[in-house]
Amino acid sequence: MTAARLVIDTNVVVSGLITADPRAATAQVLDGMLAARFPYLVSAELPQLALNAAVREPPPFLGHVPDAGDRHLWALVASDRAAVLVTGDGALRRGSPEPERVLSPRQALSLLSGHSA
């Protein structure tokens, strides 16, 4: 198991909820969150996702972000050197201030299982 703490974008949670395929990466990430199989962070702005999570109130992220509505995600990632953002949003992955700290759900599962993506 890795020491990474995941910051899960809400698009991964929503996709995990609506998929009909329990083997989908998003469904597996959501199941892992609910079963506390890995550490993850949520901001105080998203208390509905706090089950089994470490809730943080990081300082505002002042750097460039692809979408200002996701600024809380970047603040969480910046608040913890072991944190990585897990998102299905290609624009977030492409526009990341730290691309090496942004993973797709499938890459996150590979990281958690100790395999390279």
Foldseek 3Di string as FASTA:
>chain_A
DDQAAEEEDVVLVVCLVPDPDCPDLSVVVNVCLQVLVDEYEDEPVCVVSPRNYDYDPADFDDDDFLDPVCRRSVRVCVVDVRYAYEDPDPSRCVRPPDNVRYHYSVQVVCVSVVHHD
